[in-house]
N, C-alpha and C. Protein backbone atom coordinates (compact mmCIF):
# COMPACT_ATOMS: atom_id res chain seq x y z
N MET A 1 66.95 133.50 129.04
CA MET A 1 65.87 133.04 128.21
C MET A 1 66.18 133.57 126.76
N LEU A 2 65.96 132.82 125.76
CA LEU A 2 66.19 133.11 124.48
C LEU A 2 64.92 133.86 123.97
N ASP A 3 65.37 134.92 123.13
CA ASP A 3 64.26 135.49 122.49
C ASP A 3 64.20 135.21 120.83
N ALA A 4 63.29 135.70 120.15
CA ALA A 4 63.39 135.30 118.63
C ALA A 4 64.60 135.63 117.93
N ILE A 5 65.25 136.88 118.26
CA ILE A 5 66.46 137.16 117.45
C ILE A 5 67.60 136.19 117.89
N GLY A 6 67.59 135.65 119.14
CA GLY A 6 68.62 134.79 119.81
C GLY A 6 68.45 133.47 118.92
N LEU A 7 67.29 133.06 118.90
CA LEU A 7 66.98 131.87 118.07
C LEU A 7 67.50 131.82 116.57
N GLU A 8 67.09 133.10 116.02
CA GLU A 8 67.61 133.42 114.50
C GLU A 8 69.10 133.35 114.50
N ILE A 9 69.74 134.04 115.36
CA ILE A 9 71.19 133.80 115.50
C ILE A 9 71.75 132.48 115.56
N LEU A 10 71.18 131.69 116.41
CA LEU A 10 71.61 130.28 116.68
C LEU A 10 71.35 129.42 115.42
N ASN A 11 70.38 129.67 114.70
CA ASN A 11 69.84 129.09 113.49
C ASN A 11 71.02 129.30 112.37
N ILE A 12 71.43 130.66 112.22
CA ILE A 12 72.33 131.05 111.36
C ILE A 12 73.72 130.46 111.62
N LEU A 13 74.25 130.47 112.89
CA LEU A 13 75.32 129.98 113.30
C LEU A 13 75.42 128.44 113.13
N GLN A 14 74.38 127.83 113.30
CA GLN A 14 74.36 126.26 113.19
C GLN A 14 74.59 125.89 111.73
N LYS A 15 74.20 126.82 110.77
CA LYS A 15 74.30 126.38 109.30
C LYS A 15 75.72 126.77 108.80
N LYS A 16 76.23 127.81 109.52
CA LYS A 16 77.73 128.27 109.02
C LYS A 16 78.22 129.13 110.12
N ALA A 17 79.08 128.39 110.89
CA ALA A 17 79.61 128.96 112.02
C ALA A 17 80.58 130.16 111.89
N ARG A 18 81.26 130.07 110.68
CA ARG A 18 82.29 130.85 110.36
C ARG A 18 81.63 132.23 109.62
N ILE A 19 80.37 132.42 109.71
CA ILE A 19 79.72 133.50 108.92
C ILE A 19 80.27 134.72 109.69
N PRO A 20 80.64 135.70 108.88
CA PRO A 20 80.99 136.97 109.48
C PRO A 20 80.08 137.69 110.21
N ASN A 21 80.37 138.15 111.50
CA ASN A 21 79.41 138.94 112.26
C ASN A 21 78.45 140.07 111.60
N ILE A 22 79.15 140.62 110.68
CA ILE A 22 78.43 141.73 109.95
C ILE A 22 77.33 141.14 109.14
N GLU A 23 77.52 140.03 108.58
CA GLU A 23 76.48 139.10 107.88
C GLU A 23 75.39 138.78 108.75
N VAL A 24 75.66 138.21 109.99
CA VAL A 24 74.61 137.77 110.88
C VAL A 24 73.78 139.14 111.30
N SER A 25 74.45 140.14 111.67
CA SER A 25 73.73 141.29 112.03
C SER A 25 72.76 141.96 110.82
N ARG A 26 73.16 141.80 109.61
CA ARG A 26 72.49 142.14 108.53
C ARG A 26 71.28 141.33 108.50
N GLN A 27 71.30 139.93 108.67
CA GLN A 27 70.23 139.01 108.54
C GLN A 27 69.30 139.34 109.59
N VAL A 28 69.68 139.58 110.87
CA VAL A 28 68.62 139.66 111.97
C VAL A 28 68.49 141.19 112.37
N GLY A 29 68.96 142.04 111.45
CA GLY A 29 68.61 143.58 111.76
C GLY A 29 69.06 144.09 113.02
N LEU A 30 70.09 143.74 113.53
CA LEU A 30 70.83 144.50 114.71
C LEU A 30 72.20 145.14 114.30
N ALA A 31 72.87 145.80 115.03
CA ALA A 31 74.10 146.40 114.93
C ALA A 31 75.13 145.12 115.05
N PRO A 32 76.32 145.19 114.55
CA PRO A 32 77.07 144.12 114.61
C PRO A 32 77.56 144.00 116.14
N SER A 33 77.76 145.06 116.82
CA SER A 33 78.21 144.97 118.23
C SER A 33 77.05 144.42 119.16
N ALA A 34 75.92 144.64 118.83
CA ALA A 34 74.71 143.93 119.45
C ALA A 34 74.61 142.51 119.29
N VAL A 35 75.01 142.07 118.03
CA VAL A 35 74.99 140.53 117.61
C VAL A 35 76.24 140.03 118.44
N LEU A 36 77.28 140.53 118.46
CA LEU A 36 78.60 140.11 119.09
C LEU A 36 78.25 139.86 120.51
N GLU A 37 77.56 140.81 121.17
CA GLU A 37 77.34 140.67 122.52
C GLU A 37 76.36 139.58 122.95
N ARG A 38 75.24 139.45 122.06
CA ARG A 38 74.46 138.34 122.26
C ARG A 38 75.12 136.99 121.95
N ILE A 39 76.04 136.78 121.12
CA ILE A 39 76.84 135.70 120.85
C ILE A 39 77.52 135.42 122.09
N ARG A 40 78.23 136.32 122.52
CA ARG A 40 79.13 136.07 123.66
C ARG A 40 78.33 135.80 124.97
N LYS A 41 77.24 136.19 125.16
CA LYS A 41 76.30 135.94 126.14
C LYS A 41 75.83 134.55 126.20
N MET A 42 75.50 134.13 124.97
CA MET A 42 74.98 132.70 124.72
C MET A 42 76.25 131.76 125.01
N GLU A 43 77.40 132.21 124.71
CA GLU A 43 78.60 131.34 125.01
C GLU A 43 78.80 131.19 126.46
N LYS A 44 78.54 132.36 127.08
CA LYS A 44 78.94 132.35 128.70
C LYS A 44 77.78 131.49 129.45
N GLN A 45 76.56 131.60 128.91
CA GLN A 45 75.56 130.76 129.49
C GLN A 45 75.55 129.27 129.15
N GLY A 46 76.37 129.00 128.04
CA GLY A 46 76.53 127.55 127.86
C GLY A 46 75.39 127.08 126.76
N ILE A 47 74.77 128.10 126.31
CA ILE A 47 73.86 127.89 125.09
C ILE A 47 74.61 127.38 123.89
N ILE A 48 75.63 128.19 123.55
CA ILE A 48 76.71 127.76 122.50
C ILE A 48 77.84 127.08 123.27
N ASP A 49 77.90 125.96 122.89
CA ASP A 49 78.88 125.05 123.53
C ASP A 49 80.35 124.91 122.95
N GLY A 50 80.44 125.58 121.71
CA GLY A 50 81.67 125.43 121.04
C GLY A 50 81.43 125.54 119.59
N TYR A 51 82.58 125.51 118.78
CA TYR A 51 82.60 125.64 117.49
C TYR A 51 83.40 124.50 116.82
N GLU A 52 82.97 123.78 115.77
CA GLU A 52 83.77 122.69 115.19
C GLU A 52 83.83 122.91 113.79
N VAL A 53 84.89 122.43 113.19
CA VAL A 53 85.09 122.25 111.65
C VAL A 53 84.57 120.65 111.37
N ARG A 54 83.68 120.65 110.45
CA ARG A 54 83.34 119.36 109.75
C ARG A 54 84.42 118.94 108.76
N LEU A 55 85.11 117.84 108.93
CA LEU A 55 86.00 117.43 107.88
C LEU A 55 85.28 116.40 107.12
N ASN A 56 85.72 116.09 105.82
CA ASN A 56 85.21 115.07 104.90
C ASN A 56 86.07 113.69 105.40
N PRO A 57 85.32 112.98 105.90
CA PRO A 57 85.96 111.60 106.29
C PRO A 57 86.69 110.89 105.21
N GLU A 58 86.34 110.90 103.87
CA GLU A 58 86.79 110.28 102.96
C GLU A 58 88.28 110.69 102.63
N GLN A 59 88.45 112.08 102.91
CA GLN A 59 89.67 112.72 102.63
C GLN A 59 90.60 112.24 103.60
N PHE A 60 90.31 111.56 104.80
CA PHE A 60 91.17 111.11 105.82
C PHE A 60 91.14 109.49 105.88
N ASN A 61 90.70 108.92 104.98
CA ASN A 61 90.63 107.37 104.93
C ASN A 61 89.70 106.99 106.23
N ARG A 62 88.59 107.63 106.48
CA ARG A 62 87.63 107.27 107.54
C ARG A 62 86.28 107.10 107.02
N ALA A 63 86.06 106.45 105.85
CA ALA A 63 84.64 106.59 105.27
C ALA A 63 83.73 105.54 105.94
N GLN A 64 84.28 104.41 106.45
CA GLN A 64 83.41 103.34 107.05
C GLN A 64 82.85 103.74 108.40
N VAL A 65 81.57 103.69 108.43
CA VAL A 65 81.00 103.98 109.66
C VAL A 65 80.26 102.76 110.13
N ALA A 66 80.41 102.75 111.57
CA ALA A 66 79.79 101.50 112.09
C ALA A 66 79.20 101.80 113.42
N PHE A 67 78.18 101.18 113.90
CA PHE A 67 77.60 101.36 115.26
C PHE A 67 77.74 99.99 115.99
N VAL A 68 78.33 100.18 117.16
CA VAL A 68 78.56 98.99 117.97
C VAL A 68 77.89 98.96 119.31
N HIS A 69 77.15 97.81 119.60
CA HIS A 69 76.45 97.65 120.79
C HIS A 69 77.51 96.93 121.73
N ILE A 70 77.59 97.46 122.84
CA ILE A 70 78.64 96.84 123.82
C ILE A 70 78.00 96.52 125.07
N LYS A 71 78.00 95.16 125.33
CA LYS A 71 77.46 94.69 126.56
C LYS A 71 78.71 94.54 127.50
N THR A 72 78.40 95.23 128.67
CA THR A 72 79.44 95.17 129.75
C THR A 72 79.12 94.49 131.22
N ASN A 73 80.07 94.24 131.92
CA ASN A 73 79.71 93.81 133.34
C ASN A 73 79.34 94.98 134.14
N PRO A 74 78.00 94.92 134.64
CA PRO A 74 77.46 96.15 135.15
C PRO A 74 78.35 96.74 136.22
N ALA A 75 79.16 96.02 136.94
CA ALA A 75 80.05 96.64 138.02
C ALA A 75 81.24 97.37 137.31
N MET A 76 81.54 97.23 136.16
CA MET A 76 82.58 97.96 135.46
C MET A 76 82.28 98.84 134.39
N SER A 77 80.81 99.23 134.23
CA SER A 77 80.33 99.99 133.13
C SER A 77 80.78 101.23 133.05
N ASP A 78 81.14 101.95 134.15
CA ASP A 78 81.59 103.31 134.06
C ASP A 78 83.08 103.29 133.61
N LYS A 79 83.87 102.35 134.07
CA LYS A 79 85.15 102.33 133.72
C LYS A 79 85.21 101.98 132.06
N VAL A 80 84.42 101.03 131.70
CA VAL A 80 84.43 100.60 130.23
C VAL A 80 84.14 101.94 129.36
N GLY A 81 83.00 102.65 129.77
CA GLY A 81 82.82 103.96 129.16
C GLY A 81 83.84 104.86 129.10
N SER A 82 84.53 105.11 130.16
CA SER A 82 85.81 105.99 130.04
C SER A 82 86.88 105.54 129.15
N GLU A 83 87.17 104.11 129.03
CA GLU A 83 88.08 103.60 128.33
C GLU A 83 87.76 103.74 126.75
N LEU A 84 86.33 103.54 126.51
CA LEU A 84 85.87 103.72 125.07
C LEU A 84 86.10 105.10 124.61
N ALA A 85 85.87 105.97 125.55
CA ALA A 85 85.82 107.44 125.13
C ALA A 85 87.36 107.75 124.72
N LEU A 86 88.25 107.12 125.26
CA LEU A 86 89.67 107.41 124.72
C LEU A 86 90.18 106.88 123.47
N ILE A 87 89.40 106.05 122.83
CA ILE A 87 89.58 105.43 121.68
C ILE A 87 89.57 106.41 120.38
N PRO A 88 90.49 107.04 119.76
CA PRO A 88 90.32 108.07 118.77
C PRO A 88 89.31 107.67 117.59
N GLU A 89 89.18 106.35 117.26
CA GLU A 89 88.25 106.09 116.12
C GLU A 89 86.79 106.12 116.53
N ILE A 90 86.46 106.17 117.86
CA ILE A 90 85.17 106.21 118.42
C ILE A 90 84.71 107.58 118.43
N GLN A 91 83.69 107.93 117.90
CA GLN A 91 83.35 109.35 117.69
C GLN A 91 82.04 109.63 118.76
N GLU A 92 81.46 108.69 119.18
CA GLU A 92 80.40 108.84 120.02
C GLU A 92 80.29 107.72 120.99
N VAL A 93 80.06 108.08 122.28
CA VAL A 93 79.79 106.69 123.32
C VAL A 93 78.56 107.30 124.03
N HIS A 94 77.73 106.32 123.94
CA HIS A 94 76.22 106.49 124.66
C HIS A 94 75.92 105.41 125.51
N PHE A 95 75.70 105.70 126.73
CA PHE A 95 75.21 104.73 127.79
C PHE A 95 73.64 104.63 127.38
N VAL A 96 73.21 103.47 127.19
CA VAL A 96 71.92 103.18 126.57
C VAL A 96 71.10 102.09 127.50
N SER A 97 69.65 102.14 127.43
CA SER A 97 68.94 101.28 128.08
C SER A 97 68.84 100.08 127.32
N GLY A 98 68.23 98.94 127.75
CA GLY A 98 68.00 97.76 127.04
C GLY A 98 69.09 96.78 127.52
N SER A 99 69.38 95.75 126.75
CA SER A 99 70.30 94.70 127.08
C SER A 99 71.63 95.05 126.83
N ASP A 100 71.96 96.06 126.03
CA ASP A 100 73.40 96.42 126.00
C ASP A 100 73.71 97.64 126.90
N CYS A 101 74.81 97.80 127.09
CA CYS A 101 75.14 99.06 128.02
C CYS A 101 75.52 100.26 127.17
N TYR A 102 76.39 100.01 126.21
CA TYR A 102 76.86 101.02 125.37
C TYR A 102 76.44 101.12 123.90
N LEU A 103 76.29 102.13 123.33
CA LEU A 103 76.31 102.15 121.70
C LEU A 103 77.29 103.27 121.36
N VAL A 104 78.31 102.76 120.52
CA VAL A 104 79.25 103.61 120.04
C VAL A 104 79.23 103.67 118.51
N LYS A 105 79.64 105.01 118.01
CA LYS A 105 79.88 105.24 116.61
C LYS A 105 81.19 105.30 116.26
N ILE A 106 81.73 104.52 115.35
CA ILE A 106 83.06 104.32 114.90
C ILE A 106 83.21 104.91 113.58
N ARG A 107 84.33 105.51 113.28
CA ARG A 107 84.78 105.68 111.78
C ARG A 107 86.13 105.10 111.58
N SER A 108 86.03 104.26 110.57
CA SER A 108 87.42 103.64 110.31
C SER A 108 87.65 103.60 108.78
N ALA A 109 88.71 103.11 108.33
CA ALA A 109 89.19 103.08 106.94
C ALA A 109 88.16 102.07 106.24
N ASP A 110 87.99 101.05 106.72
CA ASP A 110 87.27 99.88 105.98
C ASP A 110 86.94 98.83 107.06
N THR A 111 86.26 97.90 106.72
CA THR A 111 85.84 96.67 107.45
C THR A 111 87.06 95.90 108.12
N THR A 112 88.15 95.96 107.47
CA THR A 112 89.25 95.23 107.91
C THR A 112 89.60 96.02 109.16
N ALA A 113 89.79 97.39 108.99
CA ALA A 113 90.35 98.27 110.05
C ALA A 113 89.32 98.25 111.18
N LEU A 114 88.10 98.06 111.00
CA LEU A 114 86.95 98.06 112.07
C LEU A 114 87.28 96.83 112.71
N GLY A 115 87.41 95.60 112.16
CA GLY A 115 87.61 94.35 112.79
C GLY A 115 88.82 94.33 113.53
N LEU A 116 89.82 94.89 113.32
CA LEU A 116 91.04 95.03 114.18
C LEU A 116 90.84 96.00 115.29
N LEU A 117 90.19 97.04 115.00
CA LEU A 117 89.67 97.91 116.25
C LEU A 117 88.89 97.11 117.23
N LEU A 118 87.93 96.34 116.71
CA LEU A 118 87.15 95.46 117.75
C LEU A 118 87.98 94.62 118.50
N GLN A 119 88.85 93.91 117.65
CA GLN A 119 89.56 92.82 118.36
C GLN A 119 90.72 93.26 119.24
N GLU A 120 91.36 94.39 118.92
CA GLU A 120 92.61 94.90 119.64
C GLU A 120 92.14 96.02 120.63
N LYS A 121 91.25 96.59 120.51
CA LYS A 121 90.91 97.73 121.37
C LYS A 121 89.76 97.63 122.36
N ILE A 122 88.58 97.29 121.59
CA ILE A 122 87.36 97.31 122.30
C ILE A 122 87.13 96.07 123.12
N THR A 123 87.30 94.72 122.59
CA THR A 123 87.05 93.63 123.17
C THR A 123 87.97 93.29 124.34
N THR A 124 89.29 93.92 124.14
CA THR A 124 90.29 93.81 125.17
C THR A 124 90.10 94.62 126.56
N ILE A 125 89.08 95.51 126.52
CA ILE A 125 88.80 96.41 127.63
C ILE A 125 88.43 95.40 128.60
N ASP A 126 88.71 95.46 129.84
CA ASP A 126 88.34 94.71 130.99
C ASP A 126 86.85 95.09 131.38
N GLY A 127 85.99 94.06 131.33
CA GLY A 127 84.64 94.59 131.57
C GLY A 127 83.64 94.30 130.49
N VAL A 128 84.28 94.34 129.12
CA VAL A 128 83.42 94.25 128.02
C VAL A 128 83.11 92.68 127.87
N LEU A 129 81.76 92.36 127.93
CA LEU A 129 81.37 91.00 127.67
C LEU A 129 81.11 90.56 126.23
N SER A 130 80.52 91.43 125.46
CA SER A 130 80.28 91.03 124.02
C SER A 130 79.99 92.30 123.37
N THR A 131 80.23 92.15 121.86
CA THR A 131 79.76 93.25 120.97
C THR A 131 78.90 92.75 119.83
N SER A 132 78.13 93.75 119.44
CA SER A 132 77.34 93.48 118.19
C SER A 132 77.55 94.63 117.23
N THR A 133 78.03 94.37 116.01
CA THR A 133 78.31 95.63 115.06
C THR A 133 77.34 95.75 114.10
N GLU A 134 76.96 96.91 113.73
CA GLU A 134 76.19 97.32 112.45
C GLU A 134 77.11 98.14 111.60
N THR A 135 77.40 97.57 110.31
CA THR A 135 78.07 98.55 109.45
C THR A 135 77.15 99.23 108.68
N VAL A 136 77.44 100.59 108.42
CA VAL A 136 76.68 101.57 107.57
C VAL A 136 77.03 101.26 106.02
N LEU A 137 75.92 101.05 105.19
CA LEU A 137 76.27 100.92 103.89
C LEU A 137 76.15 102.32 103.07
N ALA A 138 75.41 103.21 103.65
CA ALA A 138 75.25 104.51 102.98
C ALA A 138 74.67 105.41 104.06
N THR A 139 74.96 106.65 104.09
CA THR A 139 74.43 107.59 104.87
C THR A 139 73.70 108.67 104.17
N VAL A 140 72.33 108.67 104.54
CA VAL A 140 71.34 109.49 103.97
C VAL A 140 71.48 110.99 104.58
N LYS A 141 71.65 110.95 106.00
CA LYS A 141 71.63 112.28 106.75
C LYS A 141 72.66 112.23 107.94
N GLU A 142 73.46 112.98 108.17
CA GLU A 142 74.31 113.11 109.32
C GLU A 142 74.54 114.48 109.69
N THR A 143 74.04 114.95 110.88
CA THR A 143 74.20 116.26 111.38
C THR A 143 74.40 116.45 112.78
N SER A 144 74.88 117.42 113.34
CA SER A 144 75.03 117.55 114.79
C SER A 144 74.09 118.88 115.14
N GLN A 145 73.37 119.39 114.10
CA GLN A 145 72.55 120.53 114.38
C GLN A 145 71.48 120.02 115.10
N ILE A 146 70.94 121.08 116.20
CA ILE A 146 69.76 120.85 116.93
C ILE A 146 68.58 121.47 116.39
N PRO A 147 67.42 120.85 116.04
CA PRO A 147 66.40 121.70 115.40
C PRO A 147 65.89 122.67 116.51
N LEU A 148 65.88 123.94 116.04
CA LEU A 148 65.37 125.07 116.92
C LEU A 148 63.97 125.58 116.31
N PRO A 149 63.04 126.10 117.21
CA PRO A 149 61.85 126.63 116.74
C PRO A 149 62.07 127.76 115.99
N LEU A 150 61.17 128.36 115.04
CA LEU A 150 61.25 129.31 114.13
C LEU A 150 61.03 130.50 115.03
N THR A 151 60.09 130.52 115.98
CA THR A 151 59.83 131.63 116.77
C THR A 151 59.93 131.24 118.20
N ILE A 152 59.85 132.29 119.19
CA ILE A 152 60.00 132.16 120.60
C ILE A 152 58.84 131.42 121.14
N SER A 153 57.61 131.59 120.54
CA SER A 153 56.26 131.06 121.08
C SER A 153 56.42 129.34 120.97
N GLN A 154 57.23 128.95 120.07
CA GLN A 154 57.26 127.42 119.99
C GLN A 154 58.04 126.77 120.99
N THR A 155 58.78 127.68 121.92
CA THR A 155 59.73 127.06 122.92
C THR A 155 58.89 126.75 124.11
N THR A 156 57.69 127.35 124.19
CA THR A 156 57.04 127.25 125.65
C THR A 156 55.90 126.00 125.48
């Protein structure tokens, strides 16, 4: 169970995962060794799932974002999902309710590269029946942070 200090540590790490342990300890008012012990415990419990570096997509010619709804043959849905997950340009694969089976997030260089990806990799997967693509014109917010309560009383 997380306490208020654990939540505070998580909020700090979500904003800047590479923050020095000594700075985290200063912000939460604990000794660096106690903070490190708490972080290791949260990692072991699976509360902290890992650490990532966020790259600027424009620096790697991946500025175009698109969301693709993919309808599949229900008998082949799991296989399709597994194959979609292997495509490097696909950042997210979600099995969804409704008339479509999957919603995927793609990053590509431009709409031409997106079209080729759809034609050569996605629609050629056995079991894909149809796709519907929405291209992003501008991104207002994009984050992987999980909103956490400010205090432990808000978690119950």
